[in-house]
Amino acid sequence: MQIHIREKKIDRLSPMATSYSTTTTILLFLLISFFSFNQIQAGNRNPNSVVLGLTRSSPTFTIPKPTKYSIKRLSQASDMVEPLRAVRDGYLLTLNIGTPRQVIQVYMDTGSDLTWVPCGNLSFDCLDCDDYRNNKLIGTFSTSYSSSSVRDTCGSSFCIDIHSSDNSFDTCIEAGCSLSSLLKATCSRPCPSFAYSYGEGGLVTGTLTRDNLRVHGSNPDITKDLPRFSFGCVGSTYREPIGIAGFGRGVLSLPSQLGFLQKGFSHCFLAFKYANNQSISSPLFMGDIAVSSNDNIQFTPMLKSPMFPNYYYIGLEAITVGDISSARVPLNLREFDSQGNGGMLIDSGTTYTHLPEPFYSQLLSMLQSAITYPRATDVETQTGFDLCYRVPCPNNRFTTDSFPSITFHFLNNVSLVLPQANYFYAMSAPINSTGVKCLLFQSMDDSNYGPAGVFGNFQQQNVEVVYDLEKERIGFQPMDCAAAAASQGLHKK
């Protein structure tokens, strides 16, 4: 099968990043200017490297505390298990929203906070999304079909968070709220429209909406309704055709609203070969069930980024290729500088793992020295990947190849040996008993802003990843995620 890779931080429509047209650039600029959003972006980057759409910490104003009603509601959440389905460019979570319920599938994304869904059966507009025009995954939500749907207000902490900037009250002041009502979180005027950026090439605009969200308990036959769940009802986007469930640590995120920020969550991503397979999903656990003791899980500390406190960072100490010691890993992959730059972001919404130069080039050199297959430079040119090889395929079938192992070594003596399919992947079906496999890593640019590296979802396949938020650590355990799915009854017969 032809590989398709989604990159929310770079081009998600093909393996190669593309240049913007002049018209598209002007249109994007006008959108940004019109909504006057102030989400910090990671600046101009090399189009072949990662661009992170992170929200910078803004401590200027204190966000009002949730009302007593919302605190009581969040404390009622219990363990939750939801299916995740692999698609060609990520992992989808199904949301059941509204009265009656409308079913929307969205990407799971640990690298952002906002949960949003496309809104409007005919009016939803995605610019530069031609590759997704006929995609049946694009479900839309209609507020007019839900009797429980309401617009969020300026008195909501979620409204203040979505408009976070140096002065996060500006938009509601313009909407007619008094300063006193904002400080007391009592202004009932509708929360103004927002624009939310995912970095270079990603932008959504819409309104903050509240409605009922139905989730499943630890038993699939048990469901719970979460009233007044706050999410983005998005009417137009730029290169964001499918909704996103934010799993960061901000107040808007799905784990936060469900009351799991003091507990945690875990996932086991299916191998890419199951992409678009309707008959199998893998489990997403939230609550105590996600972080229950398992002697086989290795935990590495969760690093705290002063610049981007809502996201998940880990420290990389080394990468070994086979029995060869790695080149020296730069310090910024395991610590932050005085401005908060550095660390390795673990992100379910970025496809490939990204490493900084010159460390990335040194890793490529080590791999080239250890691999004897002939290079497929023509495929490298076509795809933008840096290392591609022609491998023998008896009877036009891929077999186990003689690629060296790759092991990531994280802080606290945690070693994760990647399954081979997590780093060398077939670009297409074999022809004449020969196939091509490419290394699915990429280099970061040479900017010192933001994370120094990213651990992407492709390298997390067939690995149980545990976010223990109470103890502030992240655990890894290699696992057959398809078998784990079967044990949870997530195979359809």
Protein backbone atom coordinates (compact mmCIF):
# COMPACT_ATOMS: atom_id res chain seq x y z
CA MET A 1 0.00 0.00 0.00
CA GLN A 2 1.13 3.53 -0.65
CA ILE A 3 2.14 5.22 2.57
CA HIS A 4 0.35 8.43 3.60
CA ILE A 5 1.64 10.34 6.60
CA ARG A 6 -0.16 13.09 8.49
CA GLU A 7 1.92 15.83 10.07
CA LYS A 8 -0.08 18.34 12.05
CA LYS A 9 3.11 20.32 12.52
CA ILE A 10 4.15 20.19 8.85
CA ASP A 11 2.32 19.08 5.73
CA ARG A 12 -0.24 16.39 6.63
CA LEU A 13 -1.44 15.73 3.09
CA SER A 14 1.60 13.89 1.78
CA PRO A 15 5.00 12.66 2.95
CA MET A 16 6.64 15.75 1.45
CA ALA A 17 6.14 19.25 2.75
CA THR A 18 4.92 21.64 0.07
CA SER A 19 5.19 25.38 -0.45
CA TYR A 20 2.22 27.69 -0.01
CA SER A 21 0.88 29.53 -3.01
CA THR A 22 0.78 33.34 -2.91
CA THR A 23 -3.04 33.33 -2.81
CA THR A 24 -3.14 30.85 0.06
CA THR A 25 -0.57 32.81 2.04
CA ILE A 26 -2.57 36.04 1.64
CA LEU A 27 -5.79 34.25 2.62
CA LEU A 28 -4.20 32.75 5.72
CA PHE A 29 -2.82 36.16 6.69
CA LEU A 30 -6.28 37.73 6.36
CA LEU A 31 -7.83 35.00 8.49
CA ILE A 32 -5.27 35.51 11.20
CA SER A 33 -5.66 39.29 11.10
CA PHE A 34 -9.47 39.11 11.14
CA PHE A 35 -9.67 37.03 14.28
CA SER A 36 -6.68 38.74 15.98
CA PHE A 37 -5.51 35.62 17.71
CA ASN A 38 -2.43 35.64 19.85
CA GLN A 39 -1.45 32.02 20.13
CA ILE A 40 2.32 31.88 20.00
CA GLN A 41 3.78 29.97 17.06
CA ALA A 42 7.23 28.56 16.66
CA GLY A 43 8.27 31.06 14.02
CA ASN A 44 9.34 30.46 10.45
CA ARG A 45 10.81 27.03 9.94
CA ASN A 46 12.38 24.84 7.34
CA PRO A 47 9.38 23.34 5.46
CA ASN A 48 10.82 19.84 5.86
CA SER A 49 11.04 20.06 9.62
CA VAL A 50 8.60 20.15 12.48
CA VAL A 51 6.70 23.31 13.42
CA LEU A 52 4.97 23.18 16.77
CA GLY A 53 1.66 24.93 17.41
CA LEU A 54 2.06 25.40 21.15
CA THR A 55 0.47 27.98 23.41
CA ARG A 56 3.02 29.90 25.44
CA SER A 57 2.49 30.30 29.16
CA SER A 58 0.80 33.65 29.97
CA PRO A 59 0.77 34.33 33.72
CA THR A 60 -0.41 37.98 33.44
CA PHE A 61 -4.00 37.28 34.52
CA THR A 62 -5.29 34.56 36.82
CA ILE A 63 -8.00 32.43 35.22
CA PRO A 64 -11.12 32.40 37.43
CA LYS A 65 -11.69 29.16 39.26
CA PRO A 66 -14.47 26.87 37.98
CA THR A 67 -17.87 27.27 39.60
CA LYS A 68 -18.96 24.91 42.38
CA TYR A 69 -21.21 23.16 39.87
CA SER A 70 -18.35 22.38 37.51
CA ILE A 71 -16.09 21.16 40.31
CA LYS A 72 -18.79 18.74 41.46
CA ARG A 73 -19.38 17.57 37.89
CA LEU A 74 -15.71 16.86 37.21
CA SER A 75 -15.23 14.96 40.45
CA GLN A 76 -17.89 12.44 39.36
CA ALA A 77 -15.78 11.09 36.49
CA SER A 78 -14.56 7.49 36.87
CA ASP A 79 -12.47 5.09 34.81
CA MET A 80 -13.07 5.29 31.09
CA VAL A 81 -12.22 3.09 28.11
CA GLU A 82 -12.69 4.32 24.54
CA PRO A 83 -11.63 2.70 21.25
CA LEU A 84 -8.94 4.30 19.08
CA ARG A 85 -8.97 3.52 15.37
CA ALA A 86 -5.92 3.73 13.14
CA VAL A 87 -6.29 5.70 9.92
CA ARG A 88 -3.75 6.55 7.28
CA ASP A 89 -2.39 9.55 9.18
CA GLY A 90 -3.23 9.23 12.88
CA TYR A 91 -5.53 7.71 15.49
CA LEU A 92 -9.22 8.54 15.77
CA LEU A 93 -11.36 8.85 18.88
CA THR A 94 -15.15 8.79 18.57
CA LEU A 95 -17.08 11.56 20.36
CA ASN A 96 -20.80 11.26 21.10
CA ILE A 97 -22.06 14.82 21.53
CA GLY A 98 -25.48 16.43 21.87
CA THR A 99 -29.13 15.51 22.45
CA PRO A 100 -29.82 13.36 20.53
CA ARG A 101 -26.21 12.21 20.18
CA GLN A 102 -24.22 13.03 17.07
CA VAL A 103 -21.18 10.85 16.36
CA ILE A 104 -17.99 12.67 15.34
CA GLN A 105 -14.54 11.13 14.86
CA VAL A 106 -11.53 13.25 15.82
CA TYR A 107 -7.77 12.82 16.05
CA MET A 108 -6.28 12.14 19.48
CA ASP A 109 -3.59 14.78 20.06
CA THR A 110 -1.40 15.00 23.16
CA GLY A 111 0.26 18.11 21.67
CA SER A 112 -2.71 20.49 22.06
CA ASP A 113 -5.52 21.36 24.48
CA LEU A 114 -8.61 22.34 22.50
CA THR A 115 -11.15 19.71 21.48
CA TRP A 116 -13.02 20.80 18.36
CA VAL A 117 -15.39 19.33 15.80
CA PRO A 118 -16.40 20.49 12.31
CA CYS A 119 -19.76 22.27 12.49
CA GLY A 120 -22.43 22.75 9.84
CA ASN A 121 -23.63 20.08 7.43
CA LEU A 122 -23.06 22.24 4.35
CA SER A 123 -21.35 25.34 5.71
CA PHE A 124 -18.16 23.75 7.10
CA ASP A 125 -15.30 24.91 4.91
CA CYS A 126 -11.75 23.52 4.86
CA LEU A 127 -9.26 25.44 2.74
CA ASP A 128 -6.48 23.49 1.02
CA CYS A 129 -8.05 20.13 1.89
CA ASP A 130 -8.55 18.66 -1.58
CA ASP A 131 -7.01 15.36 -0.52
CA TYR A 132 -9.85 14.88 1.97
CA ARG A 133 -12.85 16.04 -0.07
CA ASN A 134 -14.35 12.57 -0.41
CA ASN A 135 -13.18 11.27 2.96
CA LYS A 136 -16.09 9.59 4.75
CA LEU A 137 -14.43 10.28 8.11
CA ILE A 138 -15.42 13.92 7.90
CA GLY A 139 -18.50 14.01 10.11
CA THR A 140 -19.96 17.35 11.11
CA PHE A 141 -21.85 18.53 14.19
CA SER A 142 -25.00 20.66 14.02
CA THR A 143 -25.95 22.73 17.06
CA SER A 144 -29.46 23.20 15.66
CA TYR A 145 -30.05 19.43 15.89
CA SER A 146 -29.11 19.30 19.58
CA SER A 147 -31.57 20.51 22.22
CA SER A 148 -28.79 20.74 24.83
CA SER A 149 -26.31 22.83 22.82
CA VAL A 150 -25.51 26.35 24.09
CA ARG A 151 -22.87 28.96 23.32
CA ASP A 152 -20.25 29.30 26.05
CA THR A 153 -20.07 32.63 27.86
CA CYS A 154 -17.41 35.15 28.83
CA GLY A 155 -17.88 34.06 32.43
CA SER A 156 -16.34 30.69 31.59
CA SER A 157 -12.71 29.90 32.37
CA PHE A 158 -12.66 28.04 29.06
CA CYS A 159 -13.48 31.26 27.19
CA ILE A 160 -10.61 33.07 28.90
CA ASP A 161 -8.26 30.21 28.08
CA ILE A 162 -9.17 30.02 24.39
CA HIS A 163 -8.43 33.73 24.08
CA SER A 164 -5.20 33.56 26.09
CA SER A 165 -2.75 36.36 25.35
CA ASP A 166 -0.98 39.11 27.28
CA ASN A 167 -4.46 40.40 28.13
CA SER A 168 -6.89 37.52 27.92
CA PHE A 169 -9.89 39.69 28.87
CA ASP A 170 -9.69 41.93 25.79
CA THR A 171 -12.19 40.05 23.63
CA CYS A 172 -14.87 39.86 26.32
CA ILE A 173 -14.40 43.52 27.24
CA GLU A 174 -15.06 44.31 23.58
CA ALA A 175 -18.15 42.08 23.76
CA GLY A 176 -19.58 44.32 26.50
CA CYS A 177 -18.54 42.62 29.75
CA SER A 178 -17.55 44.81 32.68
CA LEU A 179 -14.19 44.20 34.32
CA SER A 180 -15.98 43.37 37.57
CA SER A 181 -18.10 40.66 35.92
CA LEU A 182 -15.02 39.15 34.27
CA LEU A 183 -13.08 39.01 37.53
CA LYS A 184 -16.07 37.38 39.22
CA ALA A 185 -16.64 35.05 36.23
CA THR A 186 -20.28 36.16 36.01
CA CYS A 187 -20.49 37.79 32.57
CA SER A 188 -23.19 36.01 30.55
CA ARG A 189 -22.37 37.49 27.15
CA PRO A 190 -21.47 34.94 24.46
CA CYS A 191 -17.81 34.02 24.26
CA PRO A 192 -16.40 35.72 21.13
CA SER A 193 -15.27 33.69 18.13
CA PHE A 194 -11.75 32.30 18.34
CA ALA A 195 -8.91 31.27 16.04
CA TYR A 196 -6.59 28.45 17.14
CA SER A 197 -3.27 27.74 15.47
CA TYR A 198 -1.40 24.45 15.11
CA GLY A 199 1.68 26.06 13.65
CA GLU A 200 2.68 26.57 10.05
CA GLY A 201 -0.23 25.44 7.88
CA GLY A 202 -2.83 24.72 10.57
CA LEU A 203 -5.63 27.09 11.62
CA VAL A 204 -9.22 26.66 12.81
CA THR A 205 -11.86 29.32 13.55
CA GLY A 206 -15.13 28.90 15.39
CA THR A 207 -17.11 29.42 18.58
CA LEU A 208 -16.82 27.82 22.00
CA THR A 209 -19.86 25.61 22.61
CA ARG A 210 -21.22 23.53 25.48
CA ASP A 211 -23.15 20.30 25.14
CA ASN A 212 -23.53 16.81 26.58
CA LEU A 213 -20.70 14.33 26.00
CA ARG A 214 -21.30 10.61 26.44
CA VAL A 215 -18.31 8.43 27.41
CA HIS A 216 -17.87 4.74 28.19
CA GLY A 217 -16.88 3.39 31.59
CA SER A 218 -14.43 0.58 32.27
CA ASN A 219 -17.15 -1.77 31.01
CA PRO A 220 -18.29 -1.05 27.42
CA ASP A 221 -21.91 -1.54 28.51
CA ILE A 222 -21.59 1.33 31.00
CA THR A 223 -21.95 4.89 29.75
CA LYS A 224 -21.82 8.25 31.49
CA ASP A 225 -23.15 11.60 30.31
CA LEU A 226 -20.94 14.62 30.97
CA PRO A 227 -23.11 17.76 30.80
CA ARG A 228 -21.81 21.13 29.60
CA PHE A 229 -18.66 19.78 27.96
CA SER A 230 -16.83 22.72 26.36
CA PHE A 231 -15.49 22.32 22.80
CA GLY A 232 -14.86 24.30 19.66
CA CYS A 233 -17.64 24.36 17.09
CA VAL A 234 -15.50 25.10 14.04
CA GLY A 235 -16.96 26.47 10.82
CA SER A 236 -13.81 26.99 8.77
CA THR A 237 -10.25 25.70 8.81
CA TYR A 238 -7.03 25.88 6.88
CA ARG A 239 -5.61 22.40 6.19
CA GLU A 240 -7.42 20.88 9.19
CA PRO A 241 -10.19 18.71 7.70
CA ILE A 242 -10.90 16.50 10.73
CA GLY A 243 -11.58 17.50 14.33
CA ILE A 244 -9.08 17.09 17.16
CA ALA A 245 -9.36 15.96 20.78
CA GLY A 246 -6.74 17.83 22.80
CA PHE A 247 -5.07 15.71 25.49
CA GLY A 248 -2.74 18.37 26.92
CA ARG A 249 -2.83 19.60 30.52
CA GLY A 250 -4.71 22.87 29.94
CA VAL A 251 -8.23 23.53 31.24
CA LEU A 252 -9.75 22.99 27.79
CA SER A 253 -8.32 19.51 27.25
CA LEU A 254 -10.44 16.37 27.28
CA PRO A 255 -8.62 14.76 30.27
CA SER A 256 -8.96 18.02 32.20
CA GLN A 257 -12.72 18.34 31.68
CA LEU A 258 -13.22 14.66 32.50
CA GLY A 259 -11.32 15.08 35.77
CA PHE A 260 -8.33 12.88 34.93
CA LEU A 261 -5.46 15.38 35.24
CA GLN A 262 -4.70 14.06 38.73
CA LYS A 263 -4.71 10.48 37.42
CA GLY A 264 -3.67 9.81 33.85
CA PHE A 265 -4.32 7.95 30.62
CA SER A 266 -2.68 5.33 28.43
CA HIS A 267 -2.87 4.12 24.84
CA CYS A 268 -1.55 1.31 22.67
CA PHE A 269 -1.41 2.44 19.03
CA LEU A 270 -2.15 -0.23 16.44
CA ALA A 271 0.44 -0.95 13.78
CA PHE A 272 0.09 1.13 10.64
CA LYS A 273 -0.94 -1.98 8.67
CA TYR A 274 -4.34 -1.73 10.39
CA ALA A 275 -5.01 1.76 9.02
CA ASN A 276 -8.63 2.15 7.91
CA ASN A 277 -9.50 -1.35 9.14
CA GLN A 278 -13.04 -0.93 10.45
CA SER A 279 -12.99 -4.23 12.33
CA ILE A 280 -10.30 -3.45 14.89
CA SER A 281 -9.63 -0.65 17.37
CA SER A 282 -7.20 -0.33 20.26
CA PRO A 283 -8.02 0.77 23.81
CA LEU A 284 -7.56 4.26 25.25
CA PHE A 285 -7.70 4.05 29.05
CA MET A 286 -8.34 7.03 31.34
CA GLY A 287 -8.33 7.14 35.14
CA ASP A 288 -6.93 4.70 37.71
CA ILE A 289 -7.21 1.82 35.26
CA ALA A 290 -4.65 3.55 32.99
CA VAL A 291 -1.92 3.85 35.61
CA SER A 292 -2.48 0.67 37.61
CA SER A 293 0.73 -1.10 38.61
CA ASN A 294 2.53 -3.18 35.99
CA ASP A 295 6.00 -4.46 36.76
CA ASN A 296 6.97 -4.57 33.07
CA ILE A 297 6.45 -0.85 32.40
CA GLN A 298 9.55 1.35 32.52
CA PHE A 299 8.89 4.92 33.66
CA THR A 300 10.86 8.01 32.74
CA PRO A 301 10.31 11.38 34.47
CA MET A 302 7.95 13.87 32.88
CA LEU A 303 9.93 17.08 32.40
CA LYS A 304 8.29 20.43 33.18
CA SER A 305 8.63 23.03 30.45
CA PRO A 306 8.36 26.58 31.80
CA MET A 307 7.52 27.79 28.28
CA PHE A 308 4.87 25.19 27.38
CA PRO A 309 3.60 23.77 30.70
CA ASN A 310 0.52 22.09 29.18
CA TYR A 311 2.45 19.53 27.13
CA TYR A 312 4.43 16.37 27.80
CA TYR A 313 8.23 16.28 27.71
CA ILE A 314 10.73 13.50 28.34
CA GLY A 315 14.53 13.43 28.39
CA LEU A 316 16.54 11.50 25.79
CA GLU A 317 19.99 10.30 26.89
CA ALA A 318 21.11 8.15 23.95
CA ILE A 319 20.13 6.21 20.83
CA THR A 320 21.94 3.00 19.97
CA VAL A 321 22.05 1.34 16.57
CA GLY A 322 22.54 -2.40 16.92
CA ASP A 323 25.51 -2.87 19.26
CA ILE A 324 27.03 0.49 18.32
CA SER A 325 27.03 3.29 20.85
CA SER A 326 25.30 6.42 19.65
CA ALA A 327 26.86 9.75 18.97
CA ARG A 328 26.76 12.10 21.92
CA VAL A 329 23.20 13.27 22.54
CA PRO A 330 22.97 17.05 22.99
CA LEU A 331 22.01 18.26 26.44
CA ASN A 332 18.97 20.12 25.10
CA LEU A 333 17.23 16.78 24.44
CA ARG A 334 16.98 16.20 28.19
CA GLU A 335 16.92 19.65 29.78
CA PHE A 336 15.66 23.20 29.20
CA ASP A 337 17.56 26.44 28.85
CA SER A 338 16.80 29.57 30.90
CA GLN A 339 14.00 30.54 28.48
CA GLY A 340 12.35 27.10 28.57
CA ASN A 341 13.56 25.82 25.20
CA GLY A 342 14.62 22.18 24.83
CA GLY A 343 13.45 18.75 25.93
CA MET A 344 11.82 16.04 23.81
CA LEU A 345 8.09 16.49 23.26
CA ILE A 346 6.07 13.26 23.12
CA ASP A 347 3.20 13.93 20.74
CA SER A 348 0.50 11.62 19.37
CA GLY A 349 -0.38 14.21 16.72
CA THR A 350 3.04 14.35 15.05
CA THR A 351 3.79 11.38 12.82
CA TYR A 352 7.57 11.03 12.75
CA THR A 353 10.19 11.38 15.44
CA HIS A 354 12.26 14.53 14.88
CA LEU A 355 15.85 14.94 16.09
CA PRO A 356 18.10 18.03 16.05
CA GLU A 357 21.18 18.51 13.92
CA PRO A 358 23.97 17.50 13.91
CA PHE A 359 22.80 14.56 16.05
CA TYR A 360 20.29 13.46 13.41
CA SER A 361 22.93 13.34 10.65
CA GLN A 362 25.24 11.36 12.95
CA LEU A 363 22.45 8.82 13.48
CA LEU A 364 21.99 8.54 9.70
CA SER A 365 25.71 7.88 9.28
CA MET A 366 25.61 5.10 11.86
CA LEU A 367 22.69 3.47 10.07
CA GLN A 368 24.38 3.72 6.68
CA SER A 369 27.48 2.03 8.08
CA ALA A 370 25.42 -0.85 9.43
CA ILE A 371 23.11 -1.45 6.41
CA THR A 372 24.31 -3.29 3.30
CA TYR A 373 21.20 -3.00 1.10
CA PRO A 374 21.44 -0.74 -1.97
CA ARG A 375 20.12 2.81 -1.52
CA ALA A 376 16.92 3.85 -3.30
CA THR A 377 17.88 7.45 -3.92
CA ASP A 378 15.07 7.95 -6.44
CA VAL A 379 12.51 7.16 -3.73
CA GLU A 380 14.32 9.47 -1.32
CA THR A 381 13.89 12.29 -3.84
CA GLN A 382 10.21 11.48 -4.36
CA THR A 383 9.26 11.16 -0.70
CA GLY A 384 11.63 13.51 1.09
CA PHE A 385 12.82 10.76 3.41
CA ASP A 386 16.57 10.67 4.03
CA LEU A 387 17.34 6.92 3.96
CA CYS A 388 15.58 4.47 1.64
CA TYR A 389 16.78 0.98 0.70
CA ARG A 390 15.84 -1.70 -1.80
CA VAL A 391 15.22 -4.98 0.02
CA PRO A 392 14.66 -8.51 -1.37
CA CYS A 393 11.05 -9.72 -1.34
CA PRO A 394 10.76 -13.41 -2.26
CA ASN A 395 7.46 -14.09 -4.04
CA ASN A 396 6.81 -10.33 -3.86
CA ARG A 397 6.28 -10.49 -0.10
CA PHE A 398 8.11 -8.51 2.56
CA THR A 399 9.98 -10.62 5.08
CA THR A 400 12.06 -9.83 8.15
CA ASP A 401 14.93 -7.68 6.89
CA SER A 402 18.46 -7.36 8.24
CA PHE A 403 18.10 -3.82 9.51
CA PRO A 404 19.92 -3.02 12.77
CA SER A 405 17.87 -2.46 15.91
CA ILE A 406 17.27 1.07 17.19
CA THR A 407 16.98 1.65 20.93
CA PHE A 408 15.93 4.90 22.60
CA HIS A 409 17.42 5.49 26.06
CA PHE A 410 15.44 7.91 28.23
CA LEU A 411 16.15 9.32 31.70
CA ASN A 412 15.92 6.92 34.66
CA ASN A 413 17.63 4.09 32.72
CA VAL A 414 14.60 3.49 30.50
CA SER A 415 15.42 1.64 27.26
CA LEU A 416 12.84 1.22 24.49
CA VAL A 417 13.77 -1.09 21.61
CA LEU A 418 11.66 0.00 18.66
CA PRO A 419 9.85 -2.65 16.63
CA GLN A 420 11.46 -2.65 13.17
CA ALA A 421 8.20 -1.57 11.50
CA ASN A 422 8.34 1.59 13.63
CA TYR A 423 11.35 2.99 11.82
CA PHE A 424 11.85 1.29 8.42
CA TYR A 425 8.56 1.09 6.55
CA ALA A 426 7.55 -0.14 3.08
CA MET A 427 6.72 2.64 0.67
CA SER A 428 4.65 0.48 -1.70
CA ALA A 429 3.98 -3.12 -2.69
CA PRO A 430 7.00 -5.14 -3.92
CA ILE A 431 7.68 -5.34 -7.66
CA ASN A 432 9.87 -7.99 -9.29
CA SER A 433 10.74 -9.48 -5.89
CA THR A 434 12.10 -6.14 -4.65
CA GLY A 435 10.60 -3.54 -2.33
CA VAL A 436 11.65 -0.21 -0.85
CA LYS A 437 11.70 0.69 2.82
CA CYS A 438 12.47 4.15 4.20
CA LEU A 439 13.54 5.47 7.59
CA LEU A 440 10.63 7.39 9.11
CA PHE A 441 12.62 9.89 11.15
CA GLN A 442 13.17 13.52 10.27
CA SER A 443 15.43 16.32 11.39
CA MET A 444 14.39 19.35 13.40
CA ASP A 445 15.46 22.69 12.04
CA ASP A 446 18.34 24.60 13.57
CA SER A 447 16.16 26.98 15.56
CA ASN A 448 16.68 27.12 19.31
CA TYR A 449 12.99 27.91 19.94
CA GLY A 450 10.67 25.35 21.52
CA PRO A 451 11.33 21.61 21.88
CA ALA A 452 14.68 20.22 20.76
CA GLY A 453 13.04 17.00 19.51
CA VAL A 454 9.71 15.21 19.12
CA PHE A 455 8.83 11.56 19.75
CA GLY A 456 6.13 10.91 17.14
CA ASN A 457 3.23 8.47 16.96
CA PHE A 458 4.78 6.23 14.30
CA GLN A 459 7.50 5.24 16.76
CA GLN A 460 4.81 4.56 19.41
CA GLN A 461 3.10 1.74 17.46
CA ASN A 462 2.82 -1.55 19.37
CA VAL A 463 4.01 0.18 22.53
CA GLU A 464 1.86 0.78 25.58
CA VAL A 465 2.43 4.41 26.58
CA VAL A 466 1.27 5.41 30.08
CA TYR A 467 0.85 9.05 31.13
CA ASP A 468 0.96 8.87 34.93
CA LEU A 469 0.00 12.48 35.67
CA GLU A 470 -0.20 12.02 39.44
CA LYS A 471 3.43 10.89 39.68
CA GLU A 472 4.48 13.00 36.67
CA ARG A 473 6.09 10.22 34.67
CA ILE A 474 5.61 8.48 31.33
CA GLY A 475 5.92 4.71 30.94
CA PHE A 476 6.73 2.46 27.97
CA GLN A 477 6.18 -1.23 27.37
CA PRO A 478 6.40 -3.02 23.99
CA MET A 479 3.09 -4.76 23.35
CA ASP A 480 1.05 -6.40 20.61
CA CYS A 481 -1.66 -3.73 20.48
CA ALA A 482 -3.92 -5.85 18.26
CA ALA A 483 -3.88 -8.60 20.90
CA ALA A 484 -4.58 -6.01 23.61
CA ALA A 485 -7.53 -4.81 21.56
CA ALA A 486 -8.90 -8.36 21.30
CA SER A 487 -8.63 -8.80 25.07
CA GLN A 488 -10.80 -5.69 25.50
CA GLY A 489 -13.41 -6.94 23.04
CA LEU A 490 -12.53 -4.29 20.47
CA HIS A 491 -12.50 -6.65 17.46
CA LYS A 492 -15.66 -6.59 15.35
CA LYS A 493 -16.77 -9.96 14.05
